[in-house]
Every structure is written in structure tokens, then in C-alpha cells.
Amino acid sequence: MLTKVMNHMDESTKHAVDAASVFTAVGSILAWLPAIAALFTIVWTGIRIYETKTVQNWLVRRRNMATLKPFLVDEKETKKETKKEKPSEPEVFDAKAHREKIKAMEQDNASKE
């Protein structure tokens, strides 16, 4: 039925309908433009934020932590180990033994000369 109507239309009417369809298509595209522009704005802003020095420093630090993670010592493990170990007694300084070592060294140096 539509083809019969189209066949009986004159050319000026067909051009008017074509123009209306073009305007309808452009209008629908323009209705989408604000949403598309908003999407591109969000993406562009995200890219700009990603490129800032602050975010790049965070990412480098995060990558470094990920690569160093196997080498980092767990604090809980070190606390457990320190609890198990007995504290060593401080060394007592023996002044007499120290003087004897110095005299022996001086004698060795004198005999070499």
C-alpha cells in the first residue's frame, strides 16, 4: 500500500518527505549529542587525572610495592621471633686485657721495624 502511495506522489512531495526524514535524523542525532558530549568529557577528565604527577607517583609506588612484596618482612613474624629469642647479655669491657693486647701489638710492630 505504501508503494502505491509513493508511486502516485509527485517529485516535490517526495523531496519534502526526504527533507523531513533528514531533519528527523539530524534532530535525533542532536538529541544524543549532549549525552555523547558528557561521556567524552568524563573520559577526557579521567585521562587528564590519570596523567597527573600525583597519580603517576601513586602508580609507581604501587608497582614498586608489588615487586618488593616477596622481600618485605612481616611485622608479626618479627615480633614472634623477637619474643622467642633471649636477650644477650652486654659484653663487659676488660681494661686489663685491652692494655695487654695493645702492648703485644706495639711489641710486634717494634720487632718488624
N, C-alpha and C. Protein backbone atom coordinates (compact mmCIF):
# COMPACT_ATOMS: atom_id res chain seq x y z
N MET A 1 0.81 -1.19 0.00
CA MET A 1 0.00 0.00 0.00
C MET A 1 0.86 1.26 0.00
N LEU A 2 1.97 1.22 0.79
CA LEU A 2 2.85 2.38 0.85
C LEU A 2 3.51 2.63 -0.50
N THR A 3 3.86 1.56 -1.19
CA THR A 3 4.48 1.74 -2.51
C THR A 3 3.51 2.35 -3.49
N LYS A 4 2.23 2.03 -3.38
CA LYS A 4 1.23 2.66 -4.26
C LYS A 4 1.15 4.14 -3.98
N VAL A 5 1.21 4.52 -2.70
CA VAL A 5 1.15 5.94 -2.34
C VAL A 5 2.38 6.64 -2.87
N MET A 6 3.57 6.01 -2.69
CA MET A 6 4.82 6.61 -3.16
C MET A 6 4.84 6.75 -4.67
N ASN A 7 4.26 5.79 -5.38
CA ASN A 7 4.25 5.86 -6.84
C ASN A 7 3.36 6.99 -7.35
N HIS A 8 2.33 7.36 -6.61
CA HIS A 8 1.41 8.40 -7.07
C HIS A 8 1.81 9.79 -6.59
N MET A 9 2.85 9.89 -5.76
CA MET A 9 3.30 11.20 -5.27
C MET A 9 4.10 11.90 -6.35
N ASP A 10 4.00 13.21 -6.39
CA ASP A 10 4.84 13.95 -7.32
C ASP A 10 6.23 14.16 -6.70
N GLU A 11 7.18 14.57 -7.46
CA GLU A 11 8.58 14.67 -7.02
C GLU A 11 8.77 15.70 -5.91
N SER A 12 8.06 16.80 -5.97
CA SER A 12 8.23 17.83 -4.93
C SER A 12 7.78 17.31 -3.57
N THR A 13 6.75 16.50 -3.51
CA THR A 13 6.30 15.92 -2.25
C THR A 13 7.33 14.93 -1.72
N LYS A 14 7.89 14.12 -2.63
CA LYS A 14 8.93 13.16 -2.23
C LYS A 14 10.13 13.89 -1.64
N HIS A 15 10.52 15.01 -2.26
CA HIS A 15 11.66 15.78 -1.74
C HIS A 15 11.34 16.37 -0.36
N ALA A 16 10.11 16.79 -0.17
CA ALA A 16 9.71 17.35 1.12
C ALA A 16 9.75 16.26 2.21
N VAL A 17 9.29 15.05 1.87
CA VAL A 17 9.34 13.94 2.83
C VAL A 17 10.79 13.55 3.10
N ASP A 18 11.63 13.53 2.06
CA ASP A 18 13.06 13.24 2.25
C ASP A 18 13.70 14.27 3.18
N ALA A 19 13.38 15.53 2.98
CA ALA A 19 13.93 16.59 3.83
C ALA A 19 13.47 16.42 5.27
N ALA A 20 12.22 16.05 5.43
CA ALA A 20 11.69 15.84 6.79
C ALA A 20 12.41 14.67 7.46
N SER A 21 12.70 13.61 6.68
CA SER A 21 13.40 12.48 7.27
C SER A 21 14.83 12.85 7.65
N VAL A 22 15.46 13.68 6.79
CA VAL A 22 16.82 14.14 7.12
C VAL A 22 16.80 14.99 8.39
N PHE A 23 15.85 15.90 8.49
CA PHE A 23 15.76 16.74 9.69
C PHE A 23 15.46 15.89 10.92
N THR A 24 14.65 14.85 10.75
CA THR A 24 14.35 13.95 11.87
C THR A 24 15.61 13.21 12.30
N ALA A 25 16.38 12.75 11.33
CA ALA A 25 17.63 12.03 11.66
C ALA A 25 18.61 12.96 12.36
N VAL A 26 18.76 14.16 11.82
CA VAL A 26 19.68 15.13 12.44
C VAL A 26 19.19 15.50 13.84
N GLY A 27 17.89 15.68 13.97
CA GLY A 27 17.33 16.01 15.29
C GLY A 27 17.57 14.90 16.29
N SER A 28 17.42 13.65 15.87
CA SER A 28 17.67 12.55 16.81
C SER A 28 19.15 12.47 17.17
N ILE A 29 20.01 12.74 16.19
CA ILE A 29 21.44 12.76 16.48
C ILE A 29 21.77 13.90 17.45
N LEU A 30 21.17 15.06 17.23
CA LEU A 30 21.42 16.19 18.12
C LEU A 30 20.90 15.92 19.52
N ALA A 31 19.85 15.15 19.62
CA ALA A 31 19.35 14.81 20.95
C ALA A 31 20.35 13.92 21.67
N TRP A 32 21.11 13.14 20.91
CA TRP A 32 22.12 12.28 21.51
C TRP A 32 23.41 13.03 21.81
N LEU A 33 23.61 14.15 21.15
CA LEU A 33 24.87 14.88 21.32
C LEU A 33 25.18 15.26 22.77
N PRO A 34 24.24 15.76 23.54
CA PRO A 34 24.60 16.10 24.93
C PRO A 34 25.08 14.88 25.73
N ALA A 35 24.45 13.75 25.52
CA ALA A 35 24.88 12.55 26.24
C ALA A 35 26.26 12.11 25.78
N ILE A 36 26.49 12.15 24.48
CA ILE A 36 27.81 11.76 23.94
C ILE A 36 28.88 12.74 24.41
N ALA A 37 28.54 14.04 24.38
CA ALA A 37 29.50 15.05 24.85
C ALA A 37 29.82 14.85 26.33
N ALA A 38 28.82 14.52 27.13
CA ALA A 38 29.06 14.27 28.56
C ALA A 38 29.95 13.05 28.74
N LEU A 39 29.72 11.99 27.97
CA LEU A 39 30.55 10.79 28.06
C LEU A 39 31.99 11.10 27.70
N PHE A 40 32.20 11.82 26.58
CA PHE A 40 33.56 12.18 26.18
C PHE A 40 34.22 13.09 27.23
N THR A 41 33.45 13.97 27.83
CA THR A 41 34.01 14.85 28.86
C THR A 41 34.46 14.04 30.07
N ILE A 42 33.67 13.07 30.47
CA ILE A 42 34.04 12.22 31.61
C ILE A 42 35.30 11.42 31.29
N VAL A 43 35.35 10.85 30.08
CA VAL A 43 36.53 10.07 29.68
C VAL A 43 37.76 10.97 29.63
N TRP A 44 37.63 12.16 29.03
CA TRP A 44 38.76 13.09 28.90
C TRP A 44 39.26 13.53 30.27
N THR A 45 38.35 13.84 31.19
CA THR A 45 38.74 14.25 32.53
C THR A 45 39.45 13.12 33.25
N GLY A 46 38.96 11.89 33.07
CA GLY A 46 39.62 10.74 33.67
C GLY A 46 41.04 10.56 33.15
N ILE A 47 41.22 10.75 31.84
CA ILE A 47 42.56 10.65 31.24
C ILE A 47 43.47 11.73 31.81
N ARG A 48 42.97 12.94 31.92
CA ARG A 48 43.79 14.04 32.44
C ARG A 48 44.19 13.80 33.90
N ILE A 49 43.26 13.27 34.68
CA ILE A 49 43.58 12.97 36.08
C ILE A 49 44.61 11.86 36.15
N TYR A 50 44.46 10.84 35.31
CA TYR A 50 45.41 9.72 35.28
C TYR A 50 46.82 10.20 34.93
N GLU A 51 46.92 11.22 34.09
CA GLU A 51 48.22 11.70 33.64
C GLU A 51 48.90 12.64 34.63
N THR A 52 48.23 13.03 35.71
CA THR A 52 48.86 13.95 36.66
C THR A 52 50.03 13.29 37.37
N LYS A 53 50.95 14.12 37.85
CA LYS A 53 52.14 13.59 38.55
C LYS A 53 51.75 12.83 39.81
N THR A 54 50.73 13.31 40.50
CA THR A 54 50.31 12.66 41.74
C THR A 54 49.88 11.23 41.49
N VAL A 55 49.01 11.04 40.51
CA VAL A 55 48.51 9.69 40.23
C VAL A 55 49.65 8.81 39.70
N GLN A 56 50.50 9.37 38.87
CA GLN A 56 51.62 8.58 38.35
C GLN A 56 52.56 8.16 39.48
N ASN A 57 52.80 9.04 40.46
CA ASN A 57 53.62 8.67 41.61
C ASN A 57 52.96 7.56 42.42
N TRP A 58 51.65 7.64 42.59
CA TRP A 58 50.93 6.57 43.30
C TRP A 58 51.10 5.25 42.58
N LEU A 59 50.97 5.28 41.26
CA LEU A 59 51.07 4.04 40.49
C LEU A 59 52.48 3.46 40.55
N VAL A 60 53.50 4.32 40.48
CA VAL A 60 54.88 3.84 40.56
C VAL A 60 55.12 3.22 41.93
N ARG A 61 54.64 3.90 42.98
CA ARG A 61 54.81 3.38 44.32
C ARG A 61 54.10 2.03 44.48
N ARG A 62 52.91 1.94 43.90
CA ARG A 62 52.14 0.69 43.99
C ARG A 62 52.85 -0.44 43.25
N ARG A 63 53.40 -0.12 42.06
CA ARG A 63 54.14 -1.14 41.30
C ARG A 63 55.38 -1.58 42.07
N ASN A 64 56.08 -0.62 42.67
CA ASN A 64 57.28 -0.96 43.43
C ASN A 64 56.93 -1.83 44.64
N MET A 65 55.84 -1.53 45.30
CA MET A 65 55.43 -2.34 46.45
C MET A 65 55.07 -3.75 45.99
N ALA A 66 54.44 -3.87 44.83
CA ALA A 66 54.07 -5.20 44.34
C ALA A 66 55.30 -6.02 44.01
N THR A 67 56.34 -5.37 43.46
CA THR A 67 57.55 -6.11 43.12
C THR A 67 58.38 -6.42 44.37
N LEU A 68 58.29 -5.58 45.39
CA LEU A 68 59.07 -5.79 46.61
C LEU A 68 58.35 -6.66 47.63
N LYS A 69 57.08 -6.93 47.42
CA LYS A 69 56.29 -7.65 48.41
C LYS A 69 56.92 -8.96 48.86
N PRO A 70 57.48 -9.78 47.96
CA PRO A 70 58.09 -11.03 48.44
C PRO A 70 59.29 -10.80 49.35
N PHE A 71 59.92 -9.62 49.24
CA PHE A 71 61.11 -9.35 50.01
C PHE A 71 60.83 -8.64 51.33
N LEU A 72 59.61 -8.14 51.50
CA LEU A 72 59.27 -7.42 52.72
C LEU A 72 59.05 -8.41 53.85
N VAL A 73 59.45 -8.02 55.05
CA VAL A 73 59.32 -8.88 56.22
C VAL A 73 58.01 -8.54 56.92
N ASP A 74 57.29 -9.56 57.30
CA ASP A 74 56.04 -9.36 58.01
C ASP A 74 56.33 -8.97 59.45
N GLU A 75 55.69 -7.90 59.92
CA GLU A 75 55.95 -7.41 61.28
C GLU A 75 55.55 -8.43 62.33
N LYS A 76 54.48 -9.17 62.10
CA LYS A 76 54.02 -10.16 63.07
C LYS A 76 55.07 -11.25 63.25
N GLU A 77 55.69 -11.66 62.14
CA GLU A 77 56.72 -12.70 62.23
C GLU A 77 57.92 -12.20 63.01
N THR A 78 58.33 -10.97 62.80
CA THR A 78 59.49 -10.45 63.52
C THR A 78 59.20 -10.31 65.00
N LYS A 79 57.96 -9.95 65.35
CA LYS A 79 57.61 -9.85 66.77
C LYS A 79 57.64 -11.21 67.43
N LYS A 80 57.16 -12.24 66.71
CA LYS A 80 57.20 -13.60 67.26
C LYS A 80 58.63 -14.05 67.47
N GLU A 81 59.50 -13.75 66.49
CA GLU A 81 60.89 -14.16 66.59
C GLU A 81 61.60 -13.45 67.73
N THR A 82 61.33 -12.19 67.92
CA THR A 82 62.00 -11.45 69.00
C THR A 82 61.53 -11.93 70.35
N LYS A 83 60.29 -12.37 70.45
CA LYS A 83 59.81 -12.89 71.73
C LYS A 83 60.50 -14.20 72.07
N LYS A 84 60.80 -15.02 71.08
CA LYS A 84 61.43 -16.31 71.31
C LYS A 84 62.89 -16.17 71.69
N GLU A 85 63.56 -15.18 71.13
CA GLU A 85 64.99 -15.00 71.39
C GLU A 85 65.21 -14.43 72.78
N LYS A 86 66.24 -14.96 73.43
CA LYS A 86 66.60 -14.43 74.74
C LYS A 86 67.52 -13.24 74.53
N PRO A 87 67.36 -12.22 75.31
CA PRO A 87 68.25 -11.07 75.14
C PRO A 87 69.68 -11.44 75.54
N SER A 88 70.62 -11.03 74.72
CA SER A 88 72.02 -11.33 75.02
C SER A 88 72.53 -10.36 76.08
N GLU A 89 73.44 -10.87 76.89
CA GLU A 89 74.00 -10.03 77.95
C GLU A 89 75.05 -9.12 77.35
N PRO A 90 75.12 -7.89 77.82
CA PRO A 90 76.11 -6.97 77.28
C PRO A 90 77.53 -7.43 77.61
N GLU A 91 78.43 -7.16 76.67
CA GLU A 91 79.83 -7.54 76.88
C GLU A 91 80.46 -6.64 77.94
N VAL A 92 81.23 -7.24 78.77
CA VAL A 92 81.92 -6.49 79.82
C VAL A 92 83.29 -6.10 79.28
N PHE A 93 83.63 -4.82 79.42
CA PHE A 93 84.92 -4.34 78.94
C PHE A 93 85.99 -4.63 79.98
N ASP A 94 87.01 -5.37 79.54
CA ASP A 94 88.11 -5.73 80.43
C ASP A 94 89.29 -4.83 80.08
N ALA A 95 89.53 -3.83 80.90
CA ALA A 95 90.57 -2.85 80.62
C ALA A 95 91.96 -3.48 80.67
N LYS A 96 92.18 -4.38 81.58
CA LYS A 96 93.49 -5.01 81.73
C LYS A 96 93.83 -5.83 80.49
N ALA A 97 92.86 -6.61 80.01
CA ALA A 97 93.10 -7.42 78.81
C ALA A 97 93.32 -6.52 77.60
N HIS A 98 92.63 -5.40 77.56
CA HIS A 98 92.79 -4.47 76.44
C HIS A 98 94.19 -3.86 76.43
N ARG A 99 94.69 -3.48 77.60
CA ARG A 99 96.04 -2.92 77.67
C ARG A 99 97.08 -3.95 77.25
N GLU A 100 96.86 -5.20 77.62
CA GLU A 100 97.80 -6.27 77.24
C GLU A 100 97.82 -6.47 75.73
N LYS A 101 96.65 -6.40 75.10
CA LYS A 101 96.59 -6.54 73.64
C LYS A 101 97.34 -5.40 72.96
N ILE A 102 97.18 -4.20 73.48
CA ILE A 102 97.86 -3.04 72.89
C ILE A 102 99.37 -3.19 73.03
N LYS A 103 99.87 -3.61 74.19
CA LYS A 103 101.31 -3.80 74.39
C LYS A 103 101.85 -4.87 73.45
N ALA A 104 101.06 -5.96 73.25
CA ALA A 104 101.50 -7.02 72.34
C ALA A 104 101.58 -6.51 70.91
N MET A 105 100.63 -5.70 70.52
CA MET A 105 100.64 -5.14 69.17
C MET A 105 101.84 -4.19 68.99
N GLU A 106 102.12 -3.39 70.01
CA GLU A 106 103.26 -2.47 69.94
C GLU A 106 104.56 -3.23 69.84
N GLN A 107 104.66 -4.34 70.56
CA GLN A 107 105.88 -5.15 70.50
C GLN A 107 106.04 -5.80 69.13
N ASP A 108 104.94 -6.26 68.55
CA ASP A 108 105.00 -6.85 67.20
C ASP A 108 105.47 -5.80 66.20
N ASN A 109 104.93 -4.60 66.30
CA ASN A 109 105.31 -3.54 65.36
C ASN A 109 106.77 -3.14 65.55
N ALA A 110 107.25 -3.13 66.78
CA ALA A 110 108.66 -2.76 67.07
C ALA A 110 109.59 -3.83 66.53
N SER A 111 109.20 -5.10 66.64
CA SER A 111 110.08 -6.18 66.16
C SER A 111 110.12 -6.23 64.63
N LYS A 112 109.06 -5.78 63.97
CA LYS A 112 109.05 -5.77 62.50
C LYS A 112 109.93 -4.66 61.95
N GLU A 113 110.09 -3.61 62.70
CA GLU A 113 110.89 -2.49 62.20
C GLU A 113 112.32 -2.80 62.36
